[in-house]
Amino acid sequence: MNPASQPTPTIVLVHGAFADSSSWNGVIERLGHDGYRVLAPANPLRGLASDADYLGSFLTSVQGPVVLVGHSYGGAVISQAAAGNPDVKALVYIAAFTPEAGESALELSDKFPGSTLGSVLDSVSFPLPGGGMGTDLYIKADTFHDQFAADVPTHVTDLMAATQRPIAASALEEKATEAAWKTIPSFSLIATEDYNIPPAAQRFMAHRAHAHTVEVEASHAVSVSQPGAVIDLIEQAAHATTH
């Protein structure tokens, strides 16, 4: 088939912790305007293996090539879910974790200085299906703006804080078992004013993955504050799959 006639990929957007799929709204709107089919499934945020299995099952419903995009913890999920899936043609990491097999998100975040997340978290216990108790993590509402989205207006971050989805603490400690970036072309956006995942950690992971990398002066919530920069990188990845 002539490269110019390759089908346009579907863009699948995977949010991370303390967010939901609405964090992609600005990105979805313009990608749709540019002619892409865009899907943004909910990320359960319960555990890396189970979240990746959930995303992997969702991907079986998508026809044709896929550009898979992950923000924050969503990067770890896409790295695992895409392993062995020939339809995933590119991985895009947006201020995200890009773990090697055997690494956890918490381990990577702690590898470099710069994260202030641990000091602003609330812990809430919840019952586990098989018995016992787990711990959910939330960002304290009065710190959400400065910690997560300092370059987003407060009237927006107030809503983001109120609707944030918690992540099970165990998910951040669970080690990856797959690293799809080893076999799938990768693209990485580094948010230089990120207080959740240190920019140095993002650079380390992007370099290791041989990712095409851009740096943006933005908070962790770069998909909300600067959707244009996120879209530009996603569309670069999409173009690379068709040419």
Protein backbone atom coordinates (compact mmCIF):
# COMPACT_ATOMS: atom_id res chain seq x y z
CA MET A 1 0.00 0.00 0.00
CA ASN A 2 1.24 3.48 -0.79
CA PRO A 3 2.24 5.20 2.51
CA ALA A 4 0.06 8.18 1.64
CA SER A 5 -3.00 5.90 1.64
CA GLN A 6 -2.46 4.47 5.12
CA PRO A 7 -5.62 4.90 7.25
CA THR A 8 -5.84 7.78 9.69
CA PRO A 9 -5.27 6.43 13.21
CA THR A 10 -7.76 6.68 16.04
CA ILE A 11 -6.41 8.70 18.96
CA VAL A 12 -7.00 7.04 22.34
CA LEU A 13 -6.38 9.33 25.34
CA VAL A 14 -5.75 7.86 28.81
CA HIS A 15 -5.88 10.16 31.84
CA GLY A 16 -3.84 9.72 35.00
CA ALA A 17 -4.38 10.07 38.72
CA PHE A 18 -6.37 12.92 40.29
CA ALA A 19 -8.11 13.58 36.95
CA ASP A 20 -10.74 12.14 34.64
CA SER A 21 -11.34 12.05 30.90
CA SER A 22 -12.62 15.65 30.91
CA SER A 23 -9.00 16.74 31.37
CA TRP A 24 -8.63 16.00 27.64
CA ASN A 25 -11.60 18.16 26.54
CA GLY A 26 -9.56 20.89 24.88
CA VAL A 27 -7.43 18.29 23.12
CA ILE A 28 -10.43 16.24 21.96
CA GLU A 29 -12.21 19.24 20.48
CA ARG A 30 -9.36 20.28 18.17
CA LEU A 31 -8.30 16.77 17.21
CA GLY A 32 -11.89 16.13 16.17
CA HIS A 33 -11.90 19.36 14.18
CA ASP A 34 -8.71 18.16 12.47
CA GLY A 35 -10.47 15.00 11.32
CA TYR A 36 -9.38 12.43 13.91
CA ARG A 37 -11.62 9.97 15.69
CA VAL A 38 -10.85 10.44 19.39
CA LEU A 39 -11.72 8.19 22.33
CA ALA A 40 -10.98 8.92 26.00
CA PRO A 41 -11.92 5.91 28.14
CA ALA A 42 -12.00 6.05 31.91
CA ASN A 43 -8.85 4.79 33.62
CA PRO A 44 -9.93 2.81 36.70
CA LEU A 45 -6.84 3.86 38.78
CA ARG A 46 -7.08 0.67 40.83
CA GLY A 47 -3.82 -1.14 39.96
CA LEU A 48 -1.34 -1.11 37.11
CA ALA A 49 -1.96 -4.65 35.88
CA SER A 50 -5.75 -4.43 36.16
CA ASP A 51 -5.86 -0.93 34.65
CA ALA A 52 -3.72 -2.09 31.72
CA ASP A 53 -5.90 -5.16 31.22
CA TYR A 54 -8.97 -2.91 31.20
CA LEU A 55 -7.42 -0.59 28.62
CA GLY A 56 -6.22 -3.56 26.57
CA SER A 57 -9.75 -4.94 26.41
CA PHE A 58 -11.05 -1.53 25.38
CA LEU A 59 -8.50 -1.36 22.56
CA THR A 60 -9.91 -4.55 21.05
CA SER A 61 -13.06 -2.55 20.23
CA VAL A 62 -11.12 0.01 18.18
CA GLN A 63 -10.84 -0.75 14.48
CA GLY A 64 -7.60 0.06 12.65
CA PRO A 65 -4.41 1.79 13.75
CA VAL A 66 -4.19 3.58 17.09
CA VAL A 67 -2.07 6.36 18.54
CA LEU A 68 -2.16 5.72 22.29
CA VAL A 69 -1.66 8.73 24.56
CA GLY A 70 -1.10 8.67 28.32
CA HIS A 71 -0.90 11.48 30.87
CA SER A 72 0.90 11.01 34.18
CA TYR A 73 0.18 7.51 35.60
CA GLY A 74 -1.66 6.87 32.33
CA GLY A 75 1.77 6.60 30.72
CA ALA A 76 2.54 3.51 32.79
CA VAL A 77 -0.85 2.06 31.81
CA ILE A 78 -0.35 2.56 28.06
CA SER A 79 3.18 1.13 28.26
CA GLN A 80 1.76 -2.11 29.59
CA ALA A 81 -1.54 -2.23 27.67
CA ALA A 82 0.10 -1.73 24.25
CA ALA A 83 2.55 -4.62 24.59
CA GLY A 84 1.87 -7.16 21.88
CA ASN A 85 -0.87 -5.10 20.21
CA PRO A 86 0.09 -4.63 16.53
CA ASP A 87 -2.57 -1.95 16.01
CA VAL A 88 -0.87 0.52 18.37
CA LYS A 89 1.43 2.42 16.02
CA ALA A 90 2.72 5.14 18.36
CA LEU A 91 2.83 5.93 22.07
CA VAL A 92 2.62 9.53 23.28
CA TYR A 93 3.60 10.40 26.84
CA ILE A 94 2.27 13.70 28.23
CA ALA A 95 4.07 14.60 31.48
CA ALA A 96 3.94 10.87 32.06
CA PHE A 97 5.62 7.83 33.50
CA THR A 98 7.46 5.61 31.01
CA PRO A 99 8.52 2.69 33.20
CA GLU A 100 10.83 -0.17 32.45
CA ALA A 101 9.62 -3.62 33.47
CA GLY A 102 10.24 -3.94 37.19
CA GLU A 103 9.80 -0.22 37.95
CA SER A 104 6.90 1.50 39.72
CA ALA A 105 5.59 5.02 39.28
CA LEU A 106 6.49 5.88 42.86
CA GLU A 107 10.03 4.60 42.39
CA LEU A 108 10.52 6.71 39.27
CA SER A 109 9.06 9.83 40.88
CA ASP A 110 11.38 9.42 43.88
CA LYS A 111 14.43 8.84 41.66
CA PHE A 112 14.89 12.60 41.15
CA PRO A 113 14.14 15.62 43.37
CA GLY A 114 11.32 18.01 42.60
CA SER A 115 8.01 16.33 43.45
CA THR A 116 5.99 17.92 46.25
CA LEU A 117 3.01 15.61 45.77
CA GLY A 118 3.51 13.50 48.88
CA SER A 119 3.03 16.46 51.21
CA VAL A 120 -0.40 17.45 49.83
CA LEU A 121 -2.20 14.10 49.74
CA ASP A 122 -5.20 12.95 51.74
CA SER A 123 -5.60 9.22 52.38
CA VAL A 124 -9.04 7.60 52.48
CA SER A 125 -9.59 3.93 53.26
CA PHE A 126 -11.88 1.78 51.11
CA PRO A 127 -12.93 -1.90 51.29
CA LEU A 128 -11.25 -4.32 48.90
CA PRO A 129 -13.47 -6.78 46.99
CA GLY A 130 -11.71 -9.81 48.46
CA GLY A 131 -11.63 -8.47 51.99
CA GLY A 132 -9.32 -6.11 53.81
CA MET A 133 -8.85 -2.39 53.19
CA GLY A 134 -7.07 -0.31 50.58
CA THR A 135 -6.03 3.34 50.54
CA ASP A 136 -7.17 5.94 48.04
CA LEU A 137 -5.13 9.10 47.52
CA TYR A 138 -6.57 12.56 46.78
CA ILE A 139 -4.85 15.93 46.41
CA LYS A 140 -6.11 18.26 49.13
CA ALA A 141 -8.54 20.71 47.58
CA ASP A 142 -6.80 23.83 48.94
CA THR A 143 -3.49 22.76 47.40
CA PHE A 144 -4.78 21.38 44.09
CA HIS A 145 -4.19 24.52 42.01
CA ASP A 146 -0.57 25.11 43.06
CA GLN A 147 0.35 21.42 43.06
CA PHE A 148 -1.36 20.10 39.95
CA ALA A 149 -2.35 22.96 37.67
CA ALA A 150 -0.69 26.25 38.66
CA ASP A 151 -1.07 27.66 35.14
CA VAL A 152 -4.83 26.97 34.98
CA PRO A 153 -7.38 29.56 36.25
CA THR A 154 -8.62 28.88 39.77
CA HIS A 155 -12.28 28.74 38.72
CA VAL A 156 -11.28 25.75 36.56
CA THR A 157 -9.02 24.07 39.13
CA ASP A 158 -11.72 24.39 41.79
CA LEU A 159 -13.89 22.14 39.61
CA MET A 160 -10.97 19.83 38.83
CA ALA A 161 -10.26 19.44 42.55
CA ALA A 162 -13.89 18.68 43.38
CA THR A 163 -14.20 16.07 40.62
CA GLN A 164 -10.75 14.49 40.88
CA ARG A 165 -10.66 10.70 40.75
CA PRO A 166 -8.47 9.11 43.42
CA ILE A 167 -5.82 6.54 42.74
CA ALA A 168 -5.23 3.50 44.91
CA ALA A 169 -1.87 3.98 46.65
CA SER A 170 -0.97 0.42 45.71
CA ALA A 171 -1.25 1.32 42.00
CA LEU A 172 1.63 3.76 42.33
CA GLU A 173 3.71 1.08 44.04
CA GLU A 174 2.92 -1.73 41.57
CA LYS A 175 5.79 -2.65 39.27
CA ALA A 176 5.37 -2.70 35.51
CA THR A 177 5.75 -6.03 33.74
CA GLU A 178 5.83 -4.70 30.15
CA ALA A 179 7.53 -1.80 28.37
CA ALA A 180 5.86 -1.36 24.99
CA TRP A 181 8.01 1.71 24.23
CA LYS A 182 10.84 -0.69 23.45
CA THR A 183 9.11 -1.78 20.25
CA ILE A 184 6.65 1.03 19.44
CA PRO A 185 7.77 4.54 18.36
CA SER A 186 7.41 6.95 21.26
CA PHE A 187 6.85 10.68 21.68
CA SER A 188 7.23 12.58 24.93
CA LEU A 189 6.12 15.98 26.19
CA ILE A 190 8.00 17.16 29.25
CA ALA A 191 6.27 19.74 31.46
CA THR A 192 9.09 21.83 32.93
CA GLU A 193 6.99 23.25 35.81
CA ASP A 194 5.65 19.88 36.96
CA TYR A 195 5.46 19.32 40.73
CA ASN A 196 3.98 15.82 40.48
CA ILE A 197 6.54 14.05 38.27
CA PRO A 198 9.93 15.81 38.40
CA PRO A 199 10.97 17.14 34.98
CA ALA A 200 14.33 15.40 35.47
CA ALA A 201 12.51 12.08 35.81
CA GLN A 202 10.49 12.81 32.67
CA ARG A 203 13.69 13.60 30.74
CA PHE A 204 15.38 10.43 32.01
CA MET A 205 12.48 8.24 30.90
CA ALA A 206 12.08 9.97 27.52
CA HIS A 207 15.80 9.64 26.76
CA ARG A 208 15.79 5.98 27.73
CA ALA A 209 12.80 5.33 25.45
CA HIS A 210 14.50 7.15 22.53
CA ALA A 211 11.33 9.23 22.36
CA HIS A 212 10.89 12.24 20.10
CA THR A 213 10.78 14.85 22.86
CA VAL A 214 9.50 18.38 23.30
CA GLU A 215 9.62 20.55 26.43
CA VAL A 216 6.82 22.91 27.39
CA GLU A 217 6.82 25.45 30.20
CA ALA A 218 3.71 24.11 31.87
CA SER A 219 2.32 22.49 34.98
CA HIS A 220 1.46 18.82 35.31
CA ALA A 221 -1.99 19.66 33.87
CA VAL A 222 -0.51 20.65 30.50
CA SER A 223 -3.40 19.10 28.56
CA VAL A 224 -5.67 21.66 30.24
CA SER A 225 -3.37 24.70 30.27
CA GLN A 226 -1.71 24.23 26.88
CA PRO A 227 -3.79 21.81 24.79
CA GLY A 228 -2.25 23.16 21.59
CA ALA A 229 1.21 21.87 22.51
CA VAL A 230 -0.27 18.47 23.37
CA ILE A 231 -2.20 18.34 20.10
CA ASP A 232 0.88 19.26 18.07
CA LEU A 233 2.83 16.31 19.48
CA ILE A 234 -0.08 13.87 19.07
CA GLU A 235 -0.51 14.93 15.45
CA GLN A 236 3.23 14.49 14.84
CA ALA A 237 2.85 10.94 16.11
CA ALA A 238 -0.24 10.39 13.96
CA HIS A 239 1.52 11.68 10.83
CA ALA A 240 4.45 9.37 11.51
CA THR A 241 2.11 6.38 11.40
CA THR A 242 0.80 7.29 7.95
CA HIS A 243 4.05 8.30 6.23
